[in-house]
Structures are given as structure tokens and as C-alpha cells.
Amino acid sequence: MKTLLFISIILCAGLQVDAQNYYVKTVRFPKGAPMSQKVEMAARLVPSEEQYAWQQLELTAFLHFGINTFTNREWGTGKEDPTLFNPTNFDAAQWVSTLKAAGFKMVILTAKHHDGFCLWPTRTTQHSVAASPWKEGKGDVVGELKNACDQQGMKFGVYLSPWDRNAACYGDSPAYNQMFACQLTELLSNYGTINEVWFDGANGEGPNGKKQVYDWNLFHSVVDSLQPQAVRAIMGDDVRWVGNERGLGRETEWSATALMPDKYPNAGEENKRQGLFTEATDLGSRAILATAEQLFWYPSEVDVSIRPGWFYHAEEDKQVKSLAHLVDIYFQSVGYNSVLLLNVPPDTCGRISDYDVERLREFGEYLRTTFACNSLLHGDQSCEIPVGGSVEYTVKKESAVNIFLVQEDIHRGQRVEAFTLEALLDGKWEEVAKGTTIGYKRLLRFPLCYPECLRLTVQASRLPAQIYSAGAYQEKPME
């Protein structure tokens, strides 16, 4: 089969960027730069190595566990009795093995939620596991989970809520900021490598009736000094919240975005000037570039819970998301150039419940079987495609396919703005799917067919598209 405008194959894996030609993590446009220059510079914005490693994880898990697990609440008051915390069959290894079998690569633990209860024996407060009857006050959830992760080859992250409804000094900004920095120092000093530090911007009235002003520069300096390789999610400049908690990414998801991370002093003013906010539908199109002064490599993380709530509630055991729902979430997160952060809350025994275990087993089996065999010949070979150009992939004989996977080599930036996919059926090309952005990974579903070839055409792109790999697969009906 003749290939239209087929460009020479580039065998490349994990390319190192040339600092003279690429901009790592951020790029500032020259004042008065024409649109053509902005587009080219935007095409050469690339992730840091830490961001790239994080993107490759694809599936990460949140573990909401704490005093709320035992009070049957979502948000604690901070006045809970620590003696309520007493898991009867705590098993961090079961958490990790369950998630690993389902394909997850990292777990993030709620080391402290808004109630202020700490899951490690901290020196900063009496409101912790040290005051509980669990293991006679000698238990350490953070330590046991980190050990389980190390033993099973799972990456580990921590969530430390800045809002603390228990701390008497919350609202006395200098005093609380020092306390929070001490808590963060304990977590990042005593448990080995931490791969992600997850902050939200939660802020409320303290026990003293005052609102806290956070010192994010101080908090980030602690991370930088103790765990410089850790990506900082949400209230940092490495990972961006997608803007909802429903597991829905954007169909057009730019990692190269003009949305300024909150850690920058003038972020609020600059984002307001451009009309940008976390939930905005457009964060990086050419219309955005026209008014942007600076771009950031700021990829999206999509968070959602496997249950209606974020903490375990027995009454929700029969409300675990269906396999079909989880798969849809996967296609609209990982398949939309994002990383999925799926919350799986352990129960009062200290284990992931059988209901969640079974759904995760089904989910892992779906991913393994669906993506086990690539029906494209040479789909793993990289290529360059100019705007308007195409690449044809030969499909293995008698292969039925209804999923197409395509990746850009984001070591060379995110470039593709629009593309189409056609199938050669009975000697005729028929369009079966189309999309806008690709980025690290794009997944498309279409009606089942038996094509001889699939043709990917790049209709719009910032510089020639650098396609890293492609694949075609068959998704079978779910029972």
C-alpha cells in the first residue's frame, strides 16, 4: 500500500531536548512577538524530566483514610476524639497489591485531611495516631504504606491539607505556617523518596475565628530542599487540577498552557487579564496565544472517587462505579492527555473493601486484555508529519478494531491541533474518528471495523507533528 506523504521513520525513545531549541517548563514571548513566532515557540515548550516521568504513570490512586473513616463523615470538625481511630485489620500491603494488580503506578495518602488528624506520630500536635488505641499508639500509617510501596515497586505521594480545623494556631498565620512547614518536613524527611506532594488550596475559618494566609513560598522551599524530584500537584507548578471531581478531562487538553500556576505572585492578576481559570474550556489555543505573554508546561490531573464519597461509608458499598463508568473515565482522562487520580478509600478494618477490590480487578483485566495486542504493523515506530500530511499504518490481517491510540513525542513539545483518522474498507477510505489535541496520549473509540489500513492525517499543527507511537485495538462488549 502506498503511503501518502510518509515521512522517514525516526527510531527514538526518551529523546533528550536540546536547550538551544527547546524551552523546559516555561517560555516567555518577546514583547511584540508576531503570532508566527509565538506558535513556533509554543511548539518547542517541553516538560521537565520529573513531569515527563509523572505523565508516564497514567494511573495513580488517592487513598482517603483517617478519622473521618471512623466517624462516617466526609469533612471532620477537628474535635474528634483520637481514640475513635482503631482499624481492626490494617493491611497496607493489601492496598498496594490491589492497586498494582489493576495497573496503578503510584498511591497518594491523605496524611492529614481538613480535620487536622495526622496519620503519622507527629511532634506538632496531639491530634494523631499516637493518641489512638491502634497499635497502642505506636502505629504509623504513612510508614507502613511507604514500606508496602517500596516492597511492591509502587511510587508514593502524600496529601497534606493546609486547612486544619483542629490546630489552635490556625489563623495566626506566621505561627501556623511554621507548624505546617514542620509537618511537611517530617513527612519529607523520615520516609525516603516521595514522588508527589499534593496540596489543595482549602482555606477556612480557624478555631480562633481567623482566616489563615498561607506562605506557599515557605512550603515549596521545604519540598525543594528535601524532595526536589517530587512533582508538586495543584498548588504548585508541576501538575494542574483539571477543574472538576467527576473524572472528566477536556477533549482539547493543552499541557502547554497560558494558565499561570498559583505559585507565581501575579498569577491571579495575569489569569484574570486573559480570562483564564482552572475550569476554562480553552487553556492553550491560538486565540489564547494571541494575548499570552508566557506559557507553562502544566499538565492536567483528573481526580474522581470510585464511590460517591471520598472517605469510606458502608452504605455506599453498592454504589461503587461500574466497570463501564470507570472505563469511560479512563478514556476521558488518560485518553485525553491527562493522568487519572482515582480515589479508593480503605474501610474501618483498614483494608480496601471487597466491593472495590472486585471492581478494580475487573478494571485491571479490561486494560490488560484490551491493550494486550497492537493490531498495527510498526505502530511503535516514530515519525514526523507536516501539516496536511498523513501516515498510513498497515493493519494485521483479519483484525477487528474500534480503538485508536496515538502519542506525540512530548520531549519535542505538544503540537497537533487537529487530526482525522480514516480506515481503508473495501478499497475506500472512510473517516472513522477525528480529534483536536493529542499530547502524551489520545484514545479514540469508533464503530468496530476490519480495515486493511488506518490513515492518520494532521490537519493543523504547530510545526511538524512528532508522532511517537500509534496503536489499534479491539474493545469487547462489557457484561
Protein backbone atom coordinates (compact mmCIF):
# COMPACT_ATOMS: atom_id res chain seq x y z
CA MET A 1 0.00 0.00 0.00
CA LYS A 2 1.40 3.38 -0.98
CA THR A 3 1.81 5.82 1.88
CA LEU A 4 0.73 9.44 1.34
CA LEU A 5 3.43 11.92 2.39
CA PHE A 6 5.00 9.29 4.60
CA ILE A 7 7.99 10.76 6.43
CA SER A 8 11.11 8.77 7.27
CA ILE A 9 10.79 6.72 10.43
CA ILE A 10 12.64 8.05 13.46
CA LEU A 11 13.57 5.37 15.96
CA CYS A 12 13.59 7.39 19.14
CA ALA A 13 12.75 6.67 22.75
CA GLY A 14 13.13 9.20 25.51
CA LEU A 15 14.86 11.91 23.50
CA GLN A 16 16.91 14.46 25.41
CA VAL A 17 15.95 18.01 24.50
CA ASP A 18 18.46 20.47 23.13
CA ALA A 19 18.42 23.50 25.42
CA GLN A 20 19.11 25.78 22.43
CA ASN A 21 15.97 24.65 20.60
CA TYR A 22 13.52 23.82 23.39
CA TYR A 23 12.10 25.58 26.43
CA VAL A 24 11.77 23.44 29.54
CA LYS A 25 8.63 24.01 31.66
CA THR A 26 8.09 27.68 30.72
CA VAL A 27 8.69 30.14 27.92
CA ARG A 28 8.22 33.92 27.81
CA PHE A 29 7.39 35.52 24.47
CA PRO A 30 9.39 38.57 23.35
CA LYS A 31 7.41 41.78 23.63
CA GLY A 32 5.52 42.39 20.40
CA ALA A 33 6.29 38.90 19.03
CA PRO A 34 4.21 38.11 15.91
CA MET A 35 1.80 35.19 16.03
CA SER A 36 4.08 33.03 13.86
CA GLN A 37 6.90 33.38 16.40
CA LYS A 38 4.60 32.63 19.33
CA VAL A 39 3.30 29.49 17.64
CA GLU A 40 6.81 28.21 16.95
CA MET A 41 7.98 28.93 20.49
CA ALA A 42 4.86 27.26 21.91
CA ALA A 43 5.64 24.17 19.83
CA ARG A 44 9.07 23.93 21.48
CA LEU A 45 7.86 24.08 25.08
CA VAL A 46 8.57 20.73 26.78
CA PRO A 47 8.12 19.11 30.22
CA SER A 48 10.79 18.74 32.86
CA GLU A 49 12.06 15.20 33.29
CA GLU A 50 10.04 14.97 36.53
CA GLN A 51 6.87 16.00 34.71
CA TYR A 52 7.56 13.53 31.92
CA ALA A 53 8.08 10.67 34.40
CA TRP A 54 4.83 11.64 36.14
CA GLN A 55 2.88 11.65 32.85
CA GLN A 56 4.08 8.14 32.10
CA LEU A 57 2.44 6.83 35.28
CA GLU A 58 -1.02 7.36 33.69
CA LEU A 59 -2.88 5.72 36.62
CA THR A 60 -2.44 6.94 40.19
CA ALA A 61 -4.58 6.32 43.26
CA PHE A 62 -5.81 8.50 46.10
CA LEU A 63 -6.28 6.84 49.49
CA HIS A 64 -8.63 8.89 51.68
CA PHE A 65 -8.24 7.34 55.12
CA GLY A 66 -8.35 8.94 58.56
CA ILE A 67 -10.59 9.90 61.45
CA ASN A 68 -13.46 10.50 59.00
CA THR A 69 -13.37 6.79 58.15
CA PHE A 70 -14.48 6.06 61.72
CA THR A 71 -16.98 8.92 62.15
CA ASN A 72 -18.68 8.22 58.79
CA ARG A 73 -18.13 11.81 57.66
CA GLU A 74 -16.65 13.45 54.61
CA TRP A 75 -15.36 16.52 56.44
CA GLY A 76 -14.35 16.31 60.06
CA THR A 77 -14.74 19.10 62.59
CA GLY A 78 -11.31 18.83 64.18
CA LYS A 79 -12.91 17.99 67.53
CA GLU A 80 -12.97 14.22 67.06
CA ASP A 81 -11.64 12.00 69.81
CA PRO A 82 -8.41 10.35 68.51
CA THR A 83 -9.42 7.13 70.29
CA LEU A 84 -12.02 6.61 67.55
CA PHE A 85 -9.22 5.76 65.13
CA ASN A 86 -8.75 2.00 65.52
CA PRO A 87 -8.62 -0.14 62.35
CA THR A 88 -9.08 -3.78 63.34
CA ASN A 89 -7.21 -5.42 60.45
CA PHE A 90 -4.95 -2.78 58.95
CA ASP A 91 -3.14 -4.05 55.85
CA ALA A 92 -1.25 -1.52 53.75
CA ALA A 93 0.21 -4.33 51.64
CA GLN A 94 -3.34 -5.25 50.58
CA TRP A 95 -3.95 -1.67 49.45
CA VAL A 96 -0.84 -1.66 47.31
CA SER A 97 -1.22 -5.15 45.84
CA THR A 98 -4.86 -4.46 44.90
CA LEU A 99 -3.99 -1.23 43.11
CA LYS A 100 -0.85 -2.60 41.48
CA ALA A 101 -2.81 -5.53 40.02
CA ALA A 102 -5.22 -3.02 38.48
CA GLY A 103 -2.38 -1.16 36.74
CA PHE A 104 -1.82 1.76 39.11
CA LYS A 105 1.72 3.08 39.45
CA MET A 106 1.50 5.44 42.45
CA VAL A 107 -0.58 5.93 45.59
CA ILE A 108 -1.17 9.26 47.36
CA LEU A 109 -2.22 9.11 51.02
CA THR A 110 -4.25 11.72 52.90
CA ALA A 111 -1.59 12.09 55.60
CA LYS A 112 -3.74 14.89 57.08
CA HIS A 113 -7.19 16.00 55.98
CA HIS A 114 -9.06 19.18 56.96
CA ASP A 115 -9.84 17.78 60.42
CA GLY A 116 -6.15 18.00 61.30
CA PHE A 117 -5.80 14.34 62.36
CA CYS A 118 -2.32 13.14 61.38
CA LEU A 119 -1.69 9.57 60.22
CA TRP A 120 1.87 9.61 61.48
CA PRO A 121 3.24 10.22 65.03
CA THR A 122 4.00 13.91 64.58
CA ARG A 123 5.64 16.16 67.16
CA THR A 124 3.46 19.09 66.13
CA THR A 125 0.09 18.05 67.60
CA GLN A 126 -1.59 15.55 69.93
CA HIS A 127 -4.29 15.01 67.30
CA SER A 128 -2.67 11.99 65.63
CA VAL A 129 -2.40 8.22 65.55
CA ALA A 130 -0.10 8.44 68.57
CA ALA A 131 -3.14 9.31 70.69
CA SER A 132 -5.20 6.41 69.34
CA PRO A 133 -5.50 2.84 70.67
CA TRP A 134 -4.32 1.45 67.32
CA LYS A 135 -1.14 -0.48 67.98
CA GLU A 136 -1.12 1.08 71.46
CA GLY A 137 -0.33 4.47 69.99
CA LYS A 138 2.78 3.23 68.21
CA GLY A 139 1.28 2.90 64.73
CA ASP A 140 2.29 4.88 61.66
CA VAL A 141 0.03 4.67 58.61
CA VAL A 142 2.42 6.73 56.49
CA GLY A 143 5.38 4.49 57.38
CA GLU A 144 3.55 1.22 56.82
CA LEU A 145 2.15 2.33 53.47
CA LYS A 146 5.54 3.62 52.31
CA ASN A 147 7.15 0.29 53.26
CA ALA A 148 4.46 -1.60 51.34
CA CYS A 149 5.04 0.63 48.31
CA ASP A 150 8.79 0.07 48.45
CA GLN A 151 8.38 -3.69 48.73
CA GLN A 152 6.00 -3.86 45.76
CA GLY A 153 7.62 -1.27 43.50
CA MET A 154 4.88 1.36 43.81
CA LYS A 155 5.57 5.08 43.85
CA PHE A 156 4.36 7.07 46.84
CA GLY A 157 2.94 10.55 47.41
CA VAL A 158 1.40 12.49 50.27
CA TYR A 159 -1.51 14.90 50.61
CA LEU A 160 -1.20 17.35 53.49
CA SER A 161 -4.24 19.58 53.89
CA PRO A 162 -3.30 23.20 54.52
CA TRP A 163 -6.66 23.77 56.21
CA ASP A 164 -6.54 22.43 59.78
CA ARG A 165 -9.76 22.62 61.81
CA ASN A 166 -8.03 21.29 64.93
CA ALA A 167 -4.91 23.45 65.23
CA ALA A 168 -5.46 26.28 67.70
CA CYS A 169 -2.90 28.40 65.83
CA TYR A 170 -4.74 28.16 62.51
CA GLY A 171 -5.50 31.77 61.63
CA ASP A 172 -2.39 33.03 63.39
CA SER A 173 -0.69 32.95 60.02
CA PRO A 174 3.03 33.06 60.98
CA ALA A 175 2.60 30.50 63.76
CA TYR A 176 0.52 28.07 61.71
CA ASN A 177 2.76 28.38 58.66
CA GLN A 178 5.71 27.29 60.80
CA MET A 179 3.70 24.37 62.18
CA PHE A 180 2.65 23.30 58.70
CA ALA A 181 6.24 23.55 57.47
CA CYS A 182 7.31 21.33 60.38
CA GLN A 183 4.65 18.74 59.49
CA LEU A 184 5.78 18.83 55.87
CA THR A 185 9.41 18.48 56.95
CA GLU A 186 8.58 15.38 58.98
CA LEU A 187 6.80 13.75 56.05
CA LEU A 188 9.53 14.57 53.56
CA SER A 189 12.45 13.69 55.86
CA ASN A 190 11.51 10.40 57.51
CA TYR A 191 10.08 8.15 54.79
CA GLY A 192 12.58 8.05 51.95
CA THR A 193 11.68 9.12 48.43
CA ILE A 194 8.37 10.93 47.98
CA ASN A 195 7.26 11.17 44.35
CA GLU A 196 4.36 13.62 44.58
CA VAL A 197 3.33 16.25 47.11
CA TRP A 198 -0.36 17.10 46.72
CA PHE A 199 -1.69 20.38 48.10
CA ASP A 200 -5.12 21.82 47.62
CA GLY A 201 -5.93 25.41 48.44
CA ALA A 202 -8.53 24.58 51.10
CA ASN A 203 -8.95 27.54 53.43
CA GLY A 204 -11.49 28.22 56.14
CA GLU A 205 -12.03 29.93 59.45
CA GLY A 206 -9.84 28.67 62.24
CA PRO A 207 -10.84 27.76 65.82
CA ASN A 208 -9.83 31.33 66.69
CA GLY A 209 -12.25 32.78 64.14
CA LYS A 210 -9.49 33.96 61.84
CA LYS A 211 -8.67 33.05 58.25
CA GLN A 212 -5.20 31.72 57.52
CA VAL A 213 -2.86 33.30 54.97
CA TYR A 214 -0.62 30.52 53.65
CA ASP A 215 3.07 31.00 52.97
CA TRP A 216 3.33 28.94 49.81
CA ASN A 217 6.89 30.11 49.17
CA LEU A 218 7.90 28.59 52.51
CA PHE A 219 6.05 25.34 51.83
CA HIS A 220 7.56 24.95 48.35
CA SER A 221 11.03 25.69 49.71
CA VAL A 222 10.63 22.75 52.08
CA VAL A 223 9.72 20.47 49.17
CA ASP A 224 12.57 21.81 47.05
CA SER A 225 15.13 21.26 49.78
CA LEU A 226 14.01 17.79 50.89
CA GLN A 227 12.37 16.13 47.87
CA PRO A 228 13.42 18.13 44.78
CA GLN A 229 12.42 15.30 42.45
CA ALA A 230 8.80 15.27 43.71
CA VAL A 231 6.17 16.81 41.48
CA ARG A 232 4.01 19.40 43.21
CA ALA A 233 0.35 19.00 42.38
CA ILE A 234 -2.43 21.59 42.34
CA MET A 235 -0.86 24.37 44.47
CA GLY A 236 2.44 24.08 42.61
CA ASP A 237 3.74 24.48 39.07
CA ASP A 238 4.19 20.83 38.06
CA VAL A 239 0.66 19.38 37.93
CA ARG A 240 -2.65 21.16 37.31
CA TRP A 241 -6.11 20.20 38.61
CA VAL A 242 -8.44 19.54 35.67
CA GLY A 243 -11.21 21.60 37.27
CA ASN A 244 -13.81 19.02 38.37
CA GLU A 245 -14.04 15.90 40.54
CA ARG A 246 -16.11 13.83 38.10
CA GLY A 247 -13.24 12.22 36.22
CA LEU A 248 -13.80 14.30 33.09
CA GLY A 249 -10.89 15.74 31.17
CA ARG A 250 -11.08 18.15 28.27
CA GLU A 251 -11.35 16.76 24.77
CA THR A 252 -8.93 19.55 23.82
CA GLU A 253 -6.31 19.40 26.57
CA TRP A 254 -3.20 21.53 26.24
CA SER A 255 -0.28 20.73 28.53
CA ALA A 256 1.34 23.86 27.06
CA THR A 257 -1.00 26.40 28.60
CA ALA A 258 -1.13 30.11 29.35
CA LEU A 259 -2.79 29.42 32.73
CA MET A 260 -0.26 30.72 35.24
CA PRO A 261 0.30 28.44 38.26
CA ASP A 262 -0.81 29.93 41.56
CA LYS A 263 2.71 29.87 42.98
CA TYR A 264 3.57 32.89 40.83
CA PRO A 265 2.99 36.18 42.72
CA ASN A 266 0.96 37.79 39.90
CA ALA A 267 -0.94 34.65 38.88
CA GLY A 268 -4.38 35.93 39.85
CA GLU A 269 -3.97 39.22 38.02
CA GLU A 270 -2.46 37.65 34.89
CA ASN A 271 -5.07 34.89 34.63
CA LYS A 272 -7.86 37.41 35.09
CA ARG A 273 -6.38 39.56 32.30
CA GLN A 274 -6.60 36.62 29.91
CA GLY A 275 -9.92 35.33 31.21
CA LEU A 276 -8.30 32.05 32.28
CA PHE A 277 -9.31 29.86 35.20
CA THR A 278 -8.95 26.20 36.12
CA GLU A 279 -12.32 25.14 34.70
CA ALA A 280 -12.00 27.11 31.44
CA THR A 281 -12.63 25.06 28.29
CA ASP A 282 -9.73 26.64 26.40
CA LEU A 283 -6.33 26.97 28.03
CA GLY A 284 -3.94 26.96 25.09
CA SER A 285 -5.40 27.53 21.63
CA ARG A 286 -4.03 30.07 19.16
CA ALA A 287 -6.66 32.51 20.41
CA ILE A 288 -5.09 32.20 23.85
CA LEU A 289 -1.57 32.53 22.43
CA ALA A 290 -2.56 35.83 20.82
CA THR A 291 -2.83 37.58 24.20
CA ALA A 292 -0.42 35.41 26.23
CA GLU A 293 2.91 36.75 27.41
CA GLN A 294 4.15 33.45 28.82
CA LEU A 295 3.38 29.72 28.52
CA PHE A 296 3.80 26.93 31.04
CA TRP A 297 4.11 23.17 30.71
CA TYR A 298 1.37 22.47 33.24
CA PRO A 299 -0.28 19.08 32.58
CA SER A 300 -3.68 18.01 33.83
CA GLU A 301 -4.52 15.59 36.64
CA VAL A 302 -8.09 14.24 36.72
CA ASP A 303 -9.35 13.23 40.17
CA VAL A 304 -12.50 11.27 40.99
CA SER A 305 -13.63 8.77 43.61
CA ILE A 306 -14.60 5.19 42.87
CA ARG A 307 -17.57 5.82 45.21
CA PRO A 308 -19.92 8.78 45.68
CA GLY A 309 -17.88 9.90 48.70
CA TRP A 310 -14.15 10.33 49.21
CA PHE A 311 -13.98 8.50 52.54
CA TYR A 312 -15.38 5.01 53.13
CA HIS A 313 -19.05 4.70 54.03
CA ALA A 314 -20.61 1.25 54.36
CA GLU A 315 -23.89 2.50 52.90
CA GLU A 316 -22.05 3.18 49.62
CA ASP A 317 -20.82 -0.40 49.18
CA LYS A 318 -23.40 -0.99 46.46
CA GLN A 319 -22.65 2.35 44.78
CA VAL A 320 -19.13 1.62 43.54
CA LYS A 321 -18.80 2.89 39.98
CA SER A 322 -19.49 0.28 37.33
CA LEU A 323 -16.75 -1.09 35.10
CA ALA A 324 -18.24 0.74 32.12
CA HIS A 325 -18.19 4.03 34.07
CA LEU A 326 -14.55 3.54 35.10
CA VAL A 327 -13.60 2.74 31.51
CA ASP A 328 -15.35 5.89 30.28
CA ILE A 329 -13.40 7.86 32.89
CA TYR A 330 -10.17 6.25 31.67
CA PHE A 331 -10.85 7.29 28.07
CA GLN A 332 -11.73 10.83 29.21
CA SER A 333 -8.65 11.23 31.41
CA VAL A 334 -5.67 9.14 30.31
CA GLY A 335 -7.16 9.15 26.82
CA TYR A 336 -7.42 12.95 26.93
CA ASN A 337 -3.75 13.70 27.68
CA SER A 338 -4.14 13.60 31.48
CA VAL A 339 -3.20 11.42 34.43
CA LEU A 340 -6.05 9.76 36.33
CA LEU A 341 -6.07 10.06 40.13
CA LEU A 342 -8.73 7.57 41.27
CA ASN A 343 -9.71 7.65 44.93
CA VAL A 344 -10.13 4.23 46.59
CA PRO A 345 -10.95 4.67 50.32
CA PRO A 346 -9.96 1.92 52.77
CA ASP A 347 -12.66 0.82 55.23
CA THR A 348 -12.83 0.76 59.02
CA CYS A 349 -10.96 -2.54 59.12
CA GLY A 350 -8.05 -0.85 57.39
CA ARG A 351 -8.47 -2.68 54.10
CA ILE A 352 -9.83 -1.89 50.64
CA SER A 353 -13.32 -3.39 50.71
CA ASP A 354 -14.26 -6.44 48.69
CA TYR A 355 -16.61 -4.33 46.56
CA ASP A 356 -13.81 -2.01 45.49
CA VAL A 357 -11.34 -4.89 45.09
CA GLU A 358 -13.64 -6.67 42.67
CA ARG A 359 -14.23 -3.55 40.56
CA LEU A 360 -10.50 -2.81 40.43
CA ARG A 361 -9.86 -6.41 39.41
CA GLU A 362 -12.31 -6.02 36.53
CA PHE A 363 -10.79 -2.69 35.55
CA GLY A 364 -7.26 -4.07 35.51
CA GLU A 365 -8.37 -7.08 33.48
CA TYR A 366 -10.10 -4.80 30.97
CA LEU A 367 -6.94 -2.75 30.44
CA ARG A 368 -4.70 -5.80 30.13
CA THR A 369 -6.89 -7.65 27.64
CA THR A 370 -7.95 -4.62 25.59
CA PHE A 371 -4.46 -3.23 25.06
CA ALA A 372 -2.55 -6.53 25.01
CA CYS A 373 -2.09 -6.73 21.24
CA ASN A 374 -1.48 -3.82 18.88
CA SER A 375 -3.10 -4.58 15.53
CA LEU A 376 -0.89 -2.09 13.67
CA LEU A 377 2.31 -3.19 11.99
CA HIS A 378 5.17 -0.87 13.02
CA GLY A 379 2.89 1.23 15.19
CA ASP A 380 5.70 1.59 17.71
CA GLN A 381 7.90 3.47 15.24
CA SER A 382 8.06 7.25 15.47
CA CYS A 383 7.53 9.59 12.55
CA GLU A 384 7.30 13.24 11.60
CA ILE A 385 4.21 14.52 9.77
CA PRO A 386 3.93 18.01 8.25
CA VAL A 387 0.70 19.98 8.35
CA GLY A 388 -1.66 18.42 5.82
CA GLY A 389 0.45 15.26 5.68
CA SER A 390 -0.53 11.72 6.56
CA VAL A 391 0.89 8.43 7.68
CA GLU A 392 -0.68 5.08 6.82
CA TYR A 393 -0.48 2.11 9.14
CA THR A 394 -0.99 -1.41 7.84
CA VAL A 395 -3.40 -3.40 9.99
CA LYS A 396 -2.69 -7.05 10.72
CA LYS A 397 -4.83 -9.33 8.59
CA GLU A 398 -8.39 -10.00 9.75
CA SER A 399 -8.05 -7.70 12.75
CA ALA A 400 -11.18 -6.11 14.14
CA VAL A 401 -10.52 -2.72 15.74
CA ASN A 402 -12.57 0.02 17.41
CA ILE A 403 -9.92 1.93 19.39
CA PHE A 404 -7.09 4.08 18.09
CA LEU A 405 -4.22 5.22 20.30
CA VAL A 406 -1.77 7.92 19.26
CA GLN A 407 1.02 9.69 21.14
CA GLU A 408 3.14 12.71 20.43
CA ASP A 409 6.80 12.77 21.44
CA ILE A 410 6.30 15.43 24.10
CA HIS A 411 10.07 15.63 24.53
CA ARG A 412 9.62 17.71 21.34
CA GLY A 413 6.56 19.55 22.59
CA GLN A 414 2.81 19.34 22.10
CA ARG A 415 1.99 20.42 18.57
CA VAL A 416 -1.06 18.77 16.99
CA GLU A 417 -4.19 20.94 16.89
CA ALA A 418 -6.48 18.85 14.68
CA PHE A 419 -6.34 15.41 13.05
CA THR A 420 -8.52 12.81 11.37
CA LEU A 421 -8.43 9.04 11.27
CA GLU A 422 -9.58 7.11 8.19
CA ALA A 423 -9.97 3.39 7.60
CA LEU A 424 -9.45 1.62 4.27
CA LEU A 425 -12.57 -0.53 3.95
CA ASP A 426 -13.30 -2.49 0.77
CA GLY A 427 -10.84 -0.35 -1.12
CA LYS A 428 -12.32 3.00 0.01
CA TRP A 429 -11.12 5.45 2.65
CA GLU A 430 -13.77 6.29 5.26
CA GLU A 431 -13.36 8.72 8.15
CA VAL A 432 -13.95 6.87 11.42
CA ALA A 433 -12.77 9.41 14.01
CA LYS A 434 -11.28 12.85 14.47
CA GLY A 435 -9.75 14.87 17.25
CA THR A 436 -8.03 18.08 18.24
CA THR A 437 -5.06 17.80 20.61
CA ILE A 438 -3.00 14.66 21.15
CA GLY A 439 -0.22 15.35 23.66
CA TYR A 440 1.17 12.43 25.64
CA LYS A 441 -1.72 10.14 24.74
CA ARG A 442 -5.01 10.30 22.88
CA LEU A 443 -7.55 7.47 22.69
CA LEU A 444 -10.44 7.41 20.23
CA ARG A 445 -13.35 5.00 20.03
CA PHE A 446 -15.24 4.26 16.80
CA PRO A 447 -17.53 1.54 15.39
CA LEU A 448 -15.93 -1.90 15.03
CA CYS A 449 -14.40 -2.47 11.59
CA TYR A 450 -11.89 -4.66 9.75
CA PRO A 451 -9.64 -2.19 7.92
CA GLU A 452 -6.70 -3.00 5.68
CA CYS A 453 -5.01 0.25 6.76
CA LEU A 454 -5.59 3.22 9.01
CA ARG A 455 -4.56 6.71 7.90
CA LEU A 456 -3.72 9.48 10.35
CA THR A 457 -3.83 12.97 8.81
CA VAL A 458 -2.57 16.03 10.66
CA GLN A 459 -4.82 18.91 9.65
CA ALA A 460 -3.37 21.57 11.93
CA SER A 461 -0.17 21.63 13.94
CA ARG A 462 2.42 23.96 15.48
CA LEU A 463 5.46 22.89 13.44
CA PRO A 464 5.58 19.34 12.01
CA ALA A 465 3.93 16.79 14.28
CA GLN A 466 6.26 14.39 16.09
CA ILE A 467 4.29 11.17 16.44
CA TYR A 468 5.84 8.85 18.99
CA SER A 469 3.64 5.77 18.55
CA ALA A 470 0.22 4.55 17.43
CA GLY A 471 -1.94 1.54 18.09
CA ALA A 472 -5.25 -0.03 17.11
CA TYR A 473 -7.18 -2.33 19.45
CA GLN A 474 -10.47 -4.09 19.91
CA GLU A 475 -12.68 -3.25 22.85
CA LYS A 476 -15.11 -6.09 23.50
CA PRO A 477 -18.58 -5.58 25.00
CA MET A 478 -18.65 -5.35 28.80
CA GLU A 479 -21.08 -7.60 30.61
